[in-house]
Amino acid sequence: MDIRELQAYGTFFMTVFLVVMLYGYIIYLYRSEKKGEKDYEKLGNIALDDEIDSTPVNTSDPLPSDKKEQNK
């Protein structure tokens, strides 16, 4: 077995591995959107609506350290 044959096997198995990982990620994204965990269409508008005065896409709670400061 020479180096070219090893490179061919390595390339083939790496390609198969990356394709499996890609399909797994696509299925993960599809399932999370179906469950309602994330709305990727709304997140896709970030690039289109990129003004300084636009409203945030996700509203998040303040950090725990910020909550302590607000309670004082």
C-alpha atoms as a PDB file:
ATOM      1  CA  MET A   1       0.000   0.000   0.000  1.00  0.00           C
ATOM      2  CA  ASP A   2       1.601   3.227  -1.135  1.00  0.00           C
ATOM      3  CA  ILE A   3       0.940   6.801  -0.072  1.00  0.00           C
ATOM      4  CA  ARG A   4      -1.492   7.528  -2.912  1.00  0.00           C
ATOM      5  CA  GLU A   5      -3.742   4.684  -1.842  1.00  0.00           C
ATOM      6  CA  LEU A   6      -3.688   5.899   1.770  1.00  0.00           C
ATOM      7  CA  GLN A   7      -4.550   9.404   0.604  1.00  0.00           C
ATOM      8  CA  ALA A   8      -7.459   8.048  -1.440  1.00  0.00           C
ATOM      9  CA  TYR A   9      -8.847   6.106   1.534  1.00  0.00           C
ATOM     10  CA  GLY A  10      -8.359   9.077   3.842  1.00  0.00           C
ATOM     11  CA  THR A  11     -10.096  11.446   1.442  1.00  0.00           C
ATOM     12  CA  PHE A  12     -13.009   9.048   0.951  1.00  0.00           C
ATOM     13  CA  PHE A  13     -13.580   8.449   4.665  1.00  0.00           C
ATOM     14  CA  MET A  14     -13.195  12.146   5.501  1.00  0.00           C
ATOM     15  CA  THR A  15     -15.762  13.025   2.829  1.00  0.00           C
ATOM     16  CA  VAL A  16     -18.207  10.427   4.156  1.00  0.00           C
ATOM     17  CA  PHE A  17     -17.676  11.676   7.719  1.00  0.00           C
ATOM     18  CA  LEU A  18     -18.260  15.315   6.755  1.00  0.00           C
ATOM     19  CA  VAL A  19     -21.397  14.437   4.775  1.00  0.00           C
ATOM     20  CA  VAL A  20     -22.813  12.539   7.769  1.00  0.00           C
ATOM     21  CA  MET A  21     -22.016  15.486  10.056  1.00  0.00           C
ATOM     22  CA  LEU A  22     -23.649  17.933   7.620  1.00  0.00           C
ATOM     23  CA  TYR A  23     -26.845  15.886   7.381  1.00  0.00           C
ATOM     24  CA  GLY A  24     -26.912  15.518  11.166  1.00  0.00           C
ATOM     25  CA  TYR A  25     -26.648  19.285  11.585  1.00  0.00           C
ATOM     26  CA  ILE A  26     -29.392  19.885   9.013  1.00  0.00           C
ATOM     27  CA  ILE A  27     -31.680  17.445  10.846  1.00  0.00           C
ATOM     28  CA  TYR A  28     -30.872  19.164  14.165  1.00  0.00           C
ATOM     29  CA  LEU A  29     -31.784  22.571  12.719  1.00  0.00           C
ATOM     30  CA  TYR A  30     -34.996  21.214  11.207  1.00  0.00           C
ATOM     31  CA  ARG A  31     -36.097  19.556  14.449  1.00  0.00           C
ATOM     32  CA  SER A  32     -35.304  22.581  16.619  1.00  0.00           C
ATOM     33  CA  GLU A  33     -37.337  24.805  14.323  1.00  0.00           C
ATOM     34  CA  LYS A  34     -40.242  22.330  14.302  1.00  0.00           C
ATOM     35  CA  LYS A  35     -40.245  22.176  18.118  1.00  0.00           C
ATOM     36  CA  GLY A  36     -40.334  25.969  18.263  1.00  0.00           C
ATOM     37  CA  GLU A  37     -37.017  26.337  20.074  1.00  0.00           C
ATOM     38  CA  LYS A  38     -35.647  28.759  17.479  1.00  0.00           C
ATOM     39  CA  ASP A  39     -37.090  30.766  14.629  1.00  0.00           C
ATOM     40  CA  TYR A  40     -34.406  30.802  11.966  1.00  0.00           C
ATOM     41  CA  GLU A  41     -36.432  32.981   9.602  1.00  0.00           C
ATOM     42  CA  LYS A  42     -36.524  35.711  12.239  1.00  0.00           C
ATOM     43  CA  LEU A  43     -32.788  35.294  12.845  1.00  0.00           C
ATOM     44  CA  GLY A  44     -32.196  35.540   9.097  1.00  0.00           C
ATOM     45  CA  ASN A  45     -33.541  39.098   9.158  1.00  0.00           C
ATOM     46  CA  ILE A  46     -30.514  40.250  11.142  1.00  0.00           C
ATOM     47  CA  ALA A  47     -28.547  40.800   7.943  1.00  0.00           C
ATOM     48  CA  LEU A  48     -31.437  42.609   6.235  1.00  0.00           C
ATOM     49  CA  ASP A  49     -32.447  44.876   9.132  1.00  0.00           C
ATOM     50  CA  ASP A  50     -29.110  46.149  10.375  1.00  0.00           C
ATOM     51  CA  GLU A  51     -29.868  49.680  11.470  1.00  0.00           C
ATOM     52  CA  ILE A  52     -28.677  51.248  14.701  1.00  0.00           C
ATOM     53  CA  ASP A  53     -32.229  52.024  15.818  1.00  0.00           C
ATOM     54  CA  SER A  54     -33.784  48.665  14.866  1.00  0.00           C
ATOM     55  CA  THR A  55     -35.250  46.499  17.592  1.00  0.00           C
ATOM     56  CA  PRO A  56     -33.261  43.503  18.811  1.00  0.00           C
ATOM     57  CA  VAL A  57     -34.241  40.119  17.411  1.00  0.00           C
ATOM     58  CA  ASN A  58     -33.840  38.326  20.732  1.00  0.00           C
ATOM     59  CA  THR A  59     -34.669  39.948  24.005  1.00  0.00           C
ATOM     60  CA  SER A  60     -32.650  38.462  26.792  1.00  0.00           C
ATOM     61  CA  ASP A  61     -32.843  38.747  30.534  1.00  0.00           C
ATOM     62  CA  PRO A  62     -30.150  40.800  32.245  1.00  0.00           C
ATOM     63  CA  LEU A  63     -27.168  38.944  33.598  1.00  0.00           C
ATOM     64  CA  PRO A  64     -27.357  37.865  37.264  1.00  0.00           C
ATOM     65  CA  SER A  65     -24.746  40.486  38.211  1.00  0.00           C
ATOM     66  CA  ASP A  66     -26.888  43.186  36.565  1.00  0.00           C
ATOM     67  CA  LYS A  67     -29.950  41.996  38.497  1.00  0.00           C
ATOM     68  CA  LYS A  68     -28.079  42.389  41.799  1.00  0.00           C
ATOM     69  CA  GLU A  69     -27.143  45.966  40.911  1.00  0.00           C
ATOM     70  CA  GLN A  70     -30.735  46.802  39.960  1.00  0.00           C
ATOM     71  CA  ASN A  71     -32.088  45.433  43.262  1.00  0.00           C
ATOM     72  CA  LYS A  72     -29.880  47.724  45.364  1.00  0.00           C
END
